[in-house]
Amino acid sequence: MGVDRQFRARARTSNVGTIIGITLVLVMLGTLGYLLLNARKIEKYLKDHVQVDIYLSHGTQEMAIMRMTKKLEQEPFARKVSYVTPDSAAARLKKQLGEDFLGPLTENTLQPSVELKVTEAYAVPDSLKWIVEHIRQMPNVDQLFYNAATVENMHANMNKLRLALLGFSALLLIIAVALINNTIRLAIYSKRFLIRTMHLVGATAWFIKRPFLVGSLWQGLVASVLAIGLLAGLIHVLMRYMPDLRDPTDALMLAVIFGGVIVLGLVISLLSTWFAVRRYLRMNTDELNWS
């Protein structure tokens, strides 16, 4: 009775370990799949946040600023144009710094400015240089700023990032198959003598494999459901910090990712179990002792 209880406890521990191992691998694969499918959207998100800050001369009349913003809005490179008054700029700084940066000063010396968000097609280094030179010719413009280094790095590295993600995904898939295969083989290793005994007393290969295959399907399914839960949590956290990544097609894309996780979990578990059991079925007694 005690031996039977101990055997069941070991079997449960082995199953839990196998499920945890498969779950972690599927989470990594699902995360990479999500990043790969969203690479274009992430690039668009980054380009949509490229901004040129146009600081105007002190004393520029509000009517002149309105004419300037209207003119900029008609340009093909303009996605959004916003006028920032000195008072609005002071309120922003106070919010960012947590205190009134003016201190005892009563006069707000900040310059009025215009924030220009460019369209995705123009969020590249050459186009931005041309835009800056074009705006510099406008009246009342004092200074212009944009993060040139970030734009150049983003433009140069996005294609490399896609290739790196694709290569890393393929590599991780190979590693994942190997890890899950080894995890399942170790779980079946403790039952190798049972497999051999059943085979010696005349049980067919299919009769011996069937309970292991059914068990592997359950393990793959449970691991897939756990992996989907973890992925959903990670994606929810990402959406909180990057809400602009939300898209009406997200539901379809998530269905593809989650469906892929389930299929991978079931197929890899099933095939690994099939080959592991077949391996022990083909071994003789001496090989089982030294395997």
C-alpha atoms as a PDB file:
ATOM      1  CA  MET A   1       0.000   0.000   0.000  1.00  0.00           C
ATOM      2  CA  GLY A   2       2.822   2.337   0.979  1.00  0.00           C
ATOM      3  CA  VAL A   3       4.768   1.483  -2.180  1.00  0.00           C
ATOM      4  CA  ASP A   4       1.691   2.167  -4.319  1.00  0.00           C
ATOM      5  CA  ARG A   5       1.166   5.550  -2.636  1.00  0.00           C
ATOM      6  CA  GLN A   6       4.828   6.421  -3.145  1.00  0.00           C
ATOM      7  CA  PHE A   7       4.627   5.451  -6.820  1.00  0.00           C
ATOM      8  CA  ARG A   8       1.574   7.662  -7.354  1.00  0.00           C
ATOM      9  CA  ALA A   9       3.258  10.598  -5.603  1.00  0.00           C
ATOM     10  CA  ARG A  10       6.285  10.243  -7.859  1.00  0.00           C
ATOM     11  CA  ALA A  11       4.042  10.042 -10.930  1.00  0.00           C
ATOM     12  CA  ARG A  12       2.202  13.222  -9.906  1.00  0.00           C
ATOM     13  CA  THR A  13       5.501  15.031  -9.297  1.00  0.00           C
ATOM     14  CA  SER A  14       6.785  13.902 -12.676  1.00  0.00           C
ATOM     15  CA  ASN A  15       3.582  15.064 -14.406  1.00  0.00           C
ATOM     16  CA  VAL A  16       3.674  18.457 -12.677  1.00  0.00           C
ATOM     17  CA  GLY A  17       7.335  18.928 -13.625  1.00  0.00           C
ATOM     18  CA  THR A  18       6.594  18.008 -17.235  1.00  0.00           C
ATOM     19  CA  ILE A  19       3.640  20.418 -17.418  1.00  0.00           C
ATOM     20  CA  ILE A  20       5.660  23.288 -15.896  1.00  0.00           C
ATOM     21  CA  GLY A  21       8.527  22.673 -18.326  1.00  0.00           C
ATOM     22  CA  ILE A  22       6.215  22.632 -21.356  1.00  0.00           C
ATOM     23  CA  THR A  23       4.351  25.716 -20.101  1.00  0.00           C
ATOM     24  CA  LEU A  24       7.500  27.829 -19.763  1.00  0.00           C
ATOM     25  CA  VAL A  25       8.721  26.844 -23.214  1.00  0.00           C
ATOM     26  CA  LEU A  26       5.320  27.632 -24.771  1.00  0.00           C
ATOM     27  CA  VAL A  27       5.242  31.040 -23.043  1.00  0.00           C
ATOM     28  CA  MET A  28       8.616  31.914 -24.563  1.00  0.00           C
ATOM     29  CA  LEU A  29       7.489  30.757 -28.006  1.00  0.00           C
ATOM     30  CA  GLY A  30       4.186  32.628 -27.709  1.00  0.00           C
ATOM     31  CA  THR A  31       5.947  35.829 -26.615  1.00  0.00           C
ATOM     32  CA  LEU A  32       8.325  35.698 -29.569  1.00  0.00           C
ATOM     33  CA  GLY A  33       5.436  34.936 -31.903  1.00  0.00           C
ATOM     34  CA  TYR A  34       3.545  37.966 -30.576  1.00  0.00           C
ATOM     35  CA  LEU A  35       6.570  40.234 -31.048  1.00  0.00           C
ATOM     36  CA  LEU A  36       7.171  38.869 -34.540  1.00  0.00           C
ATOM     37  CA  LEU A  37       3.559  39.396 -35.647  1.00  0.00           C
ATOM     38  CA  ASN A  38       3.535  42.867 -34.058  1.00  0.00           C
ATOM     39  CA  ALA A  39       6.911  44.028 -35.393  1.00  0.00           C
ATOM     40  CA  ARG A  40       5.198  46.158 -38.064  1.00  0.00           C
ATOM     41  CA  LYS A  41       2.779  47.603 -35.529  1.00  0.00           C
ATOM     42  CA  ILE A  42       5.573  48.368 -33.057  1.00  0.00           C
ATOM     43  CA  GLU A  43       7.510  50.123 -35.834  1.00  0.00           C
ATOM     44  CA  LYS A  44       4.422  52.203 -36.678  1.00  0.00           C
ATOM     45  CA  TYR A  45       3.918  53.006 -32.978  1.00  0.00           C
ATOM     46  CA  LEU A  46       7.493  54.262 -32.666  1.00  0.00           C
ATOM     47  CA  LYS A  47       7.282  56.301 -35.871  1.00  0.00           C
ATOM     48  CA  ASP A  48       3.958  57.833 -34.852  1.00  0.00           C
ATOM     49  CA  HIS A  49       5.694  59.210 -31.763  1.00  0.00           C
ATOM     50  CA  VAL A  50       8.449  60.970 -33.687  1.00  0.00           C
ATOM     51  CA  GLN A  51       7.978  64.641 -32.854  1.00  0.00           C
ATOM     52  CA  VAL A  52       9.542  67.943 -33.891  1.00  0.00           C
ATOM     53  CA  ASP A  53       9.374  70.693 -31.242  1.00  0.00           C
ATOM     54  CA  ILE A  54       9.259  74.153 -32.809  1.00  0.00           C
ATOM     55  CA  TYR A  55      10.095  76.959 -30.358  1.00  0.00           C
ATOM     56  CA  LEU A  56       8.923  80.404 -31.416  1.00  0.00           C
ATOM     57  CA  SER A  57      10.378  83.787 -30.647  1.00  0.00           C
ATOM     58  CA  HIS A  58       9.192  85.632 -27.539  1.00  0.00           C
ATOM     59  CA  GLY A  59       6.397  88.055 -28.299  1.00  0.00           C
ATOM     60  CA  THR A  60       5.094  86.154 -31.321  1.00  0.00           C
ATOM     61  CA  GLN A  61       1.462  87.115 -31.799  1.00  0.00           C
ATOM     62  CA  GLU A  62      -1.112  84.375 -31.321  1.00  0.00           C
ATOM     63  CA  MET A  63      -2.632  85.153 -34.719  1.00  0.00           C
ATOM     64  CA  ALA A  64       0.749  84.476 -36.376  1.00  0.00           C
ATOM     65  CA  ILE A  65       1.020  81.194 -34.470  1.00  0.00           C
ATOM     66  CA  MET A  66      -2.454  80.136 -35.614  1.00  0.00           C
ATOM     67  CA  ARG A  67      -1.511  80.895 -39.246  1.00  0.00           C
ATOM     68  CA  MET A  68       1.622  78.811 -38.822  1.00  0.00           C
ATOM     69  CA  THR A  69      -0.243  75.826 -37.341  1.00  0.00           C
ATOM     70  CA  LYS A  70      -2.822  75.983 -40.145  1.00  0.00           C
ATOM     71  CA  LYS A  71      -0.047  76.015 -42.735  1.00  0.00           C
ATOM     72  CA  LEU A  72       1.689  73.065 -41.078  1.00  0.00           C
ATOM     73  CA  GLU A  73      -1.548  71.072 -40.912  1.00  0.00           C
ATOM     74  CA  GLN A  74      -1.815  71.313 -44.715  1.00  0.00           C
ATOM     75  CA  GLU A  75       1.663  69.845 -45.224  1.00  0.00           C
ATOM     76  CA  PRO A  76       1.795  66.174 -46.324  1.00  0.00           C
ATOM     77  CA  PHE A  77       4.272  65.318 -43.561  1.00  0.00           C
ATOM     78  CA  ALA A  78       2.050  66.561 -40.729  1.00  0.00           C
ATOM     79  CA  ARG A  79       0.056  63.976 -38.765  1.00  0.00           C
ATOM     80  CA  LYS A  80      -0.811  66.187 -35.781  1.00  0.00           C
ATOM     81  CA  VAL A  81       0.015  69.809 -34.981  1.00  0.00           C
ATOM     82  CA  SER A  82      -0.457  71.242 -31.483  1.00  0.00           C
ATOM     83  CA  TYR A  83       0.142  74.753 -30.163  1.00  0.00           C
ATOM     84  CA  VAL A  84       1.640  74.837 -26.651  1.00  0.00           C
ATOM     85  CA  THR A  85       1.282  78.131 -24.813  1.00  0.00           C
ATOM     86  CA  PRO A  86       3.885  79.218 -22.227  1.00  0.00           C
ATOM     87  CA  ASP A  87       1.319  78.590 -19.459  1.00  0.00           C
ATOM     88  CA  SER A  88       0.653  75.054 -20.754  1.00  0.00           C
ATOM     89  CA  ALA A  89       4.396  74.380 -20.944  1.00  0.00           C
ATOM     90  CA  ALA A  90       4.809  75.614 -17.355  1.00  0.00           C
ATOM     91  CA  ALA A  91       1.974  73.347 -16.180  1.00  0.00           C
ATOM     92  CA  ARG A  92       3.629  70.353 -17.875  1.00  0.00           C
ATOM     93  CA  LEU A  93       6.976  71.070 -16.230  1.00  0.00           C
ATOM     94  CA  LYS A  94       5.319  71.465 -12.854  1.00  0.00           C
ATOM     95  CA  LYS A  95       3.635  68.077 -13.293  1.00  0.00           C
ATOM     96  CA  GLN A  96       6.884  66.407 -14.401  1.00  0.00           C
ATOM     97  CA  LEU A  97       9.046  67.985 -11.689  1.00  0.00           C
ATOM     98  CA  GLY A  98       6.459  67.741  -8.936  1.00  0.00           C
ATOM     99  CA  GLU A  99       6.938  71.379  -7.948  1.00  0.00           C
ATOM    100  CA  ASP A 100       6.605  74.884  -9.327  1.00  0.00           C
ATOM    101  CA  PHE A 101       9.871  75.338 -11.237  1.00  0.00           C
ATOM    102  CA  LEU A 102       9.346  79.131 -11.415  1.00  0.00           C
ATOM    103  CA  GLY A 103       9.804  79.425  -7.648  1.00  0.00           C
ATOM    104  CA  PRO A 104       9.571  83.051  -6.546  1.00  0.00           C
ATOM    105  CA  LEU A 105       9.516  84.291 -10.149  1.00  0.00           C
ATOM    106  CA  THR A 106       6.236  85.808 -11.189  1.00  0.00           C
ATOM    107  CA  GLU A 107       6.906  86.034 -14.937  1.00  0.00           C
ATOM    108  CA  ASN A 108       6.746  82.955 -17.132  1.00  0.00           C
ATOM    109  CA  THR A 109       9.789  83.139 -19.441  1.00  0.00           C
ATOM    110  CA  LEU A 110       9.026  79.967 -21.417  1.00  0.00           C
ATOM    111  CA  GLN A 111       8.673  80.311 -25.169  1.00  0.00           C
ATOM    112  CA  PRO A 112       5.509  79.426 -27.036  1.00  0.00           C
ATOM    113  CA  SER A 113       5.977  76.307 -29.116  1.00  0.00           C
ATOM    114  CA  VAL A 114       4.364  74.067 -31.706  1.00  0.00           C
ATOM    115  CA  GLU A 115       4.524  70.266 -31.493  1.00  0.00           C
ATOM    116  CA  LEU A 116       4.597  68.553 -34.868  1.00  0.00           C
ATOM    117  CA  LYS A 117       4.021  64.803 -35.080  1.00  0.00           C
ATOM    118  CA  VAL A 118       5.030  63.568 -38.527  1.00  0.00           C
ATOM    119  CA  THR A 119       3.383  60.849 -40.590  1.00  0.00           C
ATOM    120  CA  GLU A 120       4.919  57.387 -40.692  1.00  0.00           C
ATOM    121  CA  ALA A 121       6.269  57.828 -44.245  1.00  0.00           C
ATOM    122  CA  TYR A 122       8.275  60.911 -43.210  1.00  0.00           C
ATOM    123  CA  ALA A 123       9.609  59.493 -39.913  1.00  0.00           C
ATOM    124  CA  VAL A 124      12.993  58.692 -41.490  1.00  0.00           C
ATOM    125  CA  PRO A 125      16.280  60.602 -41.086  1.00  0.00           C
ATOM    126  CA  ASP A 126      16.471  62.184 -44.584  1.00  0.00           C
ATOM    127  CA  SER A 127      12.848  63.328 -44.574  1.00  0.00           C
ATOM    128  CA  LEU A 128      13.119  64.779 -41.072  1.00  0.00           C
ATOM    129  CA  LYS A 129      16.217  66.784 -42.019  1.00  0.00           C
ATOM    130  CA  TRP A 130      14.305  68.221 -44.970  1.00  0.00           C
ATOM    131  CA  ILE A 131      11.278  68.997 -42.764  1.00  0.00           C
ATOM    132  CA  VAL A 132      13.453  70.809 -40.211  1.00  0.00           C
ATOM    133  CA  GLU A 133      15.106  72.920 -42.915  1.00  0.00           C
ATOM    134  CA  HIS A 134      11.696  73.674 -44.434  1.00  0.00           C
ATOM    135  CA  ILE A 135      10.220  74.830 -41.111  1.00  0.00           C
ATOM    136  CA  ARG A 136      13.328  76.843 -40.274  1.00  0.00           C
ATOM    137  CA  GLN A 137      12.459  79.169 -43.174  1.00  0.00           C
ATOM    138  CA  MET A 138       9.124  80.097 -41.576  1.00  0.00           C
ATOM    139  CA  PRO A 139       8.816  83.416 -39.730  1.00  0.00           C
ATOM    140  CA  ASN A 140       9.109  83.608 -35.913  1.00  0.00           C
ATOM    141  CA  VAL A 141      10.883  80.235 -35.633  1.00  0.00           C
ATOM    142  CA  ASP A 142      13.634  80.398 -33.016  1.00  0.00           C
ATOM    143  CA  GLN A 143      14.748  76.780 -32.428  1.00  0.00           C
ATOM    144  CA  LEU A 144      13.803  73.276 -33.539  1.00  0.00           C
ATOM    145  CA  PHE A 145      14.467  70.005 -31.731  1.00  0.00           C
ATOM    146  CA  TYR A 146      13.903  66.336 -32.477  1.00  0.00           C
ATOM    147  CA  ASN A 147      15.707  63.199 -31.356  1.00  0.00           C
ATOM    148  CA  ALA A 148      17.816  62.585 -34.459  1.00  0.00           C
ATOM    149  CA  ALA A 149      19.862  59.769 -32.906  1.00  0.00           C
ATOM    150  CA  THR A 150      16.747  57.805 -31.921  1.00  0.00           C
ATOM    151  CA  VAL A 151      15.222  58.183 -35.387  1.00  0.00           C
ATOM    152  CA  GLU A 152      18.423  57.076 -37.131  1.00  0.00           C
ATOM    153  CA  ASN A 153      18.844  54.062 -34.838  1.00  0.00           C
ATOM    154  CA  MET A 154      15.198  53.066 -35.246  1.00  0.00           C
ATOM    155  CA  HIS A 155      15.395  53.297 -39.031  1.00  0.00           C
ATOM    156  CA  ALA A 156      18.662  51.339 -39.190  1.00  0.00           C
ATOM    157  CA  ASN A 157      17.726  48.625 -36.711  1.00  0.00           C
ATOM    158  CA  MET A 158      14.080  47.725 -37.467  1.00  0.00           C
ATOM    159  CA  ASN A 159      14.914  45.366 -40.362  1.00  0.00           C
ATOM    160  CA  LYS A 160      17.743  43.853 -38.324  1.00  0.00           C
ATOM    161  CA  LEU A 161      15.328  43.412 -35.436  1.00  0.00           C
ATOM    162  CA  ARG A 162      12.831  41.557 -37.636  1.00  0.00           C
ATOM    163  CA  LEU A 163      15.524  39.196 -38.933  1.00  0.00           C
ATOM    164  CA  ALA A 164      16.884  38.688 -35.420  1.00  0.00           C
ATOM    165  CA  LEU A 165      13.406  37.881 -34.077  1.00  0.00           C
ATOM    166  CA  LEU A 166      12.762  35.453 -36.932  1.00  0.00           C
ATOM    167  CA  GLY A 167      16.103  33.702 -36.441  1.00  0.00           C
ATOM    168  CA  PHE A 168      15.737  33.616 -32.667  1.00  0.00           C
ATOM    169  CA  SER A 169      12.192  32.234 -32.999  1.00  0.00           C
ATOM    170  CA  ALA A 170      13.427  29.403 -35.237  1.00  0.00           C
ATOM    171  CA  LEU A 171      16.283  28.666 -32.842  1.00  0.00           C
ATOM    172  CA  LEU A 172      13.983  28.736 -29.823  1.00  0.00           C
ATOM    173  CA  LEU A 173      11.534  26.399 -31.560  1.00  0.00           C
ATOM    174  CA  ILE A 174      14.330  23.852 -32.060  1.00  0.00           C
ATOM    175  CA  ILE A 175      15.447  24.264 -28.441  1.00  0.00           C
ATOM    176  CA  ALA A 176      11.837  24.030 -27.256  1.00  0.00           C
ATOM    177  CA  VAL A 177      11.278  20.757 -29.100  1.00  0.00           C
ATOM    178  CA  ALA A 178      14.517  19.368 -27.621  1.00  0.00           C
ATOM    179  CA  LEU A 179      13.632  20.513 -24.077  1.00  0.00           C
ATOM    180  CA  ILE A 180      10.092  19.160 -24.165  1.00  0.00           C
ATOM    181  CA  ASN A 181      11.345  15.930 -25.730  1.00  0.00           C
ATOM    182  CA  ASN A 182      13.965  15.468 -22.987  1.00  0.00           C
ATOM    183  CA  THR A 183      11.449  16.363 -20.253  1.00  0.00           C
ATOM    184  CA  ILE A 184       8.989  13.741 -21.484  1.00  0.00           C
ATOM    185  CA  ARG A 185      11.721  11.150 -22.020  1.00  0.00           C
ATOM    186  CA  LEU A 186      12.868  11.626 -18.419  1.00  0.00           C
ATOM    187  CA  ALA A 187       9.290  11.260 -17.229  1.00  0.00           C
ATOM    188  CA  ILE A 188       8.897   7.981 -19.174  1.00  0.00           C
ATOM    189  CA  TYR A 189      12.374   6.767 -18.172  1.00  0.00           C
ATOM    190  CA  SER A 190      11.128   5.701 -14.722  1.00  0.00           C
ATOM    191  CA  LYS A 191       8.528   3.475 -16.423  1.00  0.00           C
ATOM    192  CA  ARG A 192      10.869   1.806 -18.902  1.00  0.00           C
ATOM    193  CA  PHE A 193      10.827  -1.577 -17.091  1.00  0.00           C
ATOM    194  CA  LEU A 194       7.010  -1.501 -16.971  1.00  0.00           C
ATOM    195  CA  ILE A 195       6.967  -0.900 -20.735  1.00  0.00           C
ATOM    196  CA  ARG A 196       9.395  -3.757 -21.291  1.00  0.00           C
ATOM    197  CA  THR A 197       7.429  -6.129 -19.031  1.00  0.00           C
ATOM    198  CA  MET A 198       4.143  -5.383 -20.823  1.00  0.00           C
ATOM    199  CA  HIS A 199       5.861  -5.990 -24.144  1.00  0.00           C
ATOM    200  CA  LEU A 200       7.296  -9.329 -22.972  1.00  0.00           C
ATOM    201  CA  VAL A 201       3.900 -10.631 -21.826  1.00  0.00           C
ATOM    202  CA  GLY A 202       2.465 -10.051 -25.281  1.00  0.00           C
ATOM    203  CA  ALA A 203       0.930  -6.549 -25.162  1.00  0.00           C
ATOM    204  CA  THR A 204       0.911  -4.863 -28.559  1.00  0.00           C
ATOM    205  CA  ALA A 205       2.887  -1.679 -29.173  1.00  0.00           C
ATOM    206  CA  TRP A 206      -0.297   0.345 -29.592  1.00  0.00           C
ATOM    207  CA  PHE A 207      -1.780  -1.034 -26.357  1.00  0.00           C
ATOM    208  CA  ILE A 208       1.368   0.042 -24.473  1.00  0.00           C
ATOM    209  CA  LYS A 209       1.634   3.460 -26.149  1.00  0.00           C
ATOM    210  CA  ARG A 210      -2.033   4.434 -25.791  1.00  0.00           C
ATOM    211  CA  PRO A 211      -2.099   5.415 -22.062  1.00  0.00           C
ATOM    212  CA  PHE A 212       1.176   7.333 -22.458  1.00  0.00           C
ATOM    213  CA  LEU A 213      -0.162   9.174 -25.501  1.00  0.00           C
ATOM    214  CA  VAL A 214      -3.430  10.037 -23.757  1.00  0.00           C
ATOM    215  CA  GLY A 215      -1.460  11.298 -20.760  1.00  0.00           C
ATOM    216  CA  SER A 216       0.801  13.379 -23.010  1.00  0.00           C
ATOM    217  CA  LEU A 217      -2.232  14.964 -24.678  1.00  0.00           C
ATOM    218  CA  TRP A 218      -3.586  15.996 -21.284  1.00  0.00           C
ATOM    219  CA  GLN A 219      -0.197  17.360 -20.255  1.00  0.00           C
ATOM    220  CA  GLY A 220       0.107  19.300 -23.509  1.00  0.00           C
ATOM    221  CA  LEU A 221      -3.424  20.671 -23.159  1.00  0.00           C
ATOM    222  CA  VAL A 222      -2.981  21.745 -19.526  1.00  0.00           C
ATOM    223  CA  ALA A 223       0.418  23.307 -20.314  1.00  0.00           C
ATOM    224  CA  SER A 224      -1.091  25.140 -23.314  1.00  0.00           C
ATOM    225  CA  VAL A 225      -3.944  26.568 -21.231  1.00  0.00           C
ATOM    226  CA  LEU A 226      -1.499  27.720 -18.534  1.00  0.00           C
ATOM    227  CA  ALA A 227       0.779  29.250 -21.182  1.00  0.00           C
ATOM    228  CA  ILE A 228      -2.174  31.101 -22.756  1.00  0.00           C
ATOM    229  CA  GLY A 229      -3.131  32.478 -19.335  1.00  0.00           C
ATOM    230  CA  LEU A 230       0.398  33.760 -18.740  1.00  0.00           C
ATOM    231  CA  LEU A 231       0.609  35.207 -22.257  1.00  0.00           C
ATOM    232  CA  ALA A 232      -2.732  36.977 -21.827  1.00  0.00           C
ATOM    233  CA  GLY A 233      -1.425  38.533 -18.600  1.00  0.00           C
ATOM    234  CA  LEU A 234       1.804  39.686 -20.268  1.00  0.00           C
ATOM    235  CA  ILE A 235      -0.083  41.178 -23.236  1.00  0.00           C
ATOM    236  CA  HIS A 236      -2.512  42.946 -20.871  1.00  0.00           C
ATOM    237  CA  VAL A 237       0.424  44.565 -19.035  1.00  0.00           C
ATOM    238  CA  LEU A 238       1.970  45.593 -22.380  1.00  0.00           C
ATOM    239  CA  MET A 239      -1.311  47.184 -23.512  1.00  0.00           C
ATOM    240  CA  ARG A 240      -1.447  49.239 -20.311  1.00  0.00           C
ATOM    241  CA  TYR A 241       1.914  50.828 -21.081  1.00  0.00           C
ATOM    242  CA  MET A 242       1.497  50.977 -24.874  1.00  0.00           C
ATOM    243  CA  PRO A 243      -2.253  51.537 -25.465  1.00  0.00           C
ATOM    244  CA  ASP A 244      -1.615  52.771 -29.026  1.00  0.00           C
ATOM    245  CA  LEU A 245      -0.757  49.192 -30.008  1.00  0.00           C
ATOM    246  CA  ARG A 246      -4.410  48.222 -29.659  1.00  0.00           C
ATOM    247  CA  ASP A 247      -5.964  47.370 -32.992  1.00  0.00           C
ATOM    248  CA  PRO A 248      -9.345  46.018 -34.179  1.00  0.00           C
ATOM    249  CA  THR A 249      -7.513  43.003 -35.651  1.00  0.00           C
ATOM    250  CA  ASP A 250      -5.954  42.086 -32.294  1.00  0.00           C
ATOM    251  CA  ALA A 251      -8.625  39.456 -31.600  1.00  0.00           C
ATOM    252  CA  LEU A 252      -7.779  37.538 -34.787  1.00  0.00           C
ATOM    253  CA  MET A 253      -4.044  37.820 -34.195  1.00  0.00           C
ATOM    254  CA  LEU A 254      -4.372  36.634 -30.588  1.00  0.00           C
ATOM    255  CA  ALA A 255      -6.537  33.739 -31.755  1.00  0.00           C
ATOM    256  CA  VAL A 256      -3.756  32.720 -34.173  1.00  0.00           C
ATOM    257  CA  ILE A 257      -1.098  32.949 -31.429  1.00  0.00           C
ATOM    258  CA  PHE A 258      -3.156  31.098 -28.812  1.00  0.00           C
ATOM    259  CA  GLY A 259      -4.205  28.479 -31.368  1.00  0.00           C
ATOM    260  CA  GLY A 260      -0.554  28.022 -32.335  1.00  0.00           C
ATOM    261  CA  VAL A 261       0.401  27.563 -28.668  1.00  0.00           C
ATOM    262  CA  ILE A 262      -2.230  24.844 -28.230  1.00  0.00           C
ATOM    263  CA  VAL A 263      -1.230  23.036 -31.435  1.00  0.00           C
ATOM    264  CA  LEU A 264       2.482  23.196 -30.553  1.00  0.00           C
ATOM    265  CA  GLY A 265       1.838  21.968 -27.020  1.00  0.00           C
ATOM    266  CA  LEU A 266      -0.229  18.997 -28.188  1.00  0.00           C
ATOM    267  CA  VAL A 267       1.879  18.022 -31.207  1.00  0.00           C
ATOM    268  CA  ILE A 268       5.282  18.278 -29.494  1.00  0.00           C
ATOM    269  CA  SER A 269       4.035  16.397 -26.407  1.00  0.00           C
ATOM    270  CA  LEU A 270       2.417  13.679 -28.512  1.00  0.00           C
ATOM    271  CA  LEU A 271       5.394  13.140 -30.835  1.00  0.00           C
ATOM    272  CA  SER A 272       7.930  13.234 -27.990  1.00  0.00           C
ATOM    273  CA  THR A 273       5.946  10.618 -26.069  1.00  0.00           C
ATOM    274  CA  TRP A 274       5.510   8.454 -29.156  1.00  0.00           C
ATOM    275  CA  PHE A 275       9.249   8.346 -29.903  1.00  0.00           C
ATOM    276  CA  ALA A 276      10.237   7.936 -26.235  1.00  0.00           C
ATOM    277  CA  VAL A 277       7.955   4.916 -25.716  1.00  0.00           C
ATOM    278  CA  ARG A 278       9.002   3.404 -29.051  1.00  0.00           C
ATOM    279  CA  ARG A 279      12.646   3.776 -28.041  1.00  0.00           C
ATOM    280  CA  TYR A 280      12.149   1.777 -24.849  1.00  0.00           C
ATOM    281  CA  LEU A 281      10.045  -0.816 -26.663  1.00  0.00           C
ATOM    282  CA  ARG A 282      12.974  -1.553 -28.971  1.00  0.00           C
ATOM    283  CA  MET A 283      15.531  -1.931 -26.177  1.00  0.00           C
ATOM    284  CA  ASN A 284      16.498  -5.265 -24.682  1.00  0.00           C
ATOM    285  CA  THR A 285      16.911  -5.808 -20.950  1.00  0.00           C
ATOM    286  CA  ASP A 286      20.632  -5.021 -20.902  1.00  0.00           C
ATOM    287  CA  GLU A 287      20.126  -1.763 -22.755  1.00  0.00           C
ATOM    288  CA  LEU A 288      17.341  -0.753 -20.334  1.00  0.00           C
ATOM    289  CA  ASN A 289      19.690  -1.243 -17.393  1.00  0.00           C
ATOM    290  CA  TRP A 290      22.383   0.963 -18.937  1.00  0.00           C
ATOM    291  CA  SER A 291      20.200   3.553 -20.683  1.00  0.00           C
END
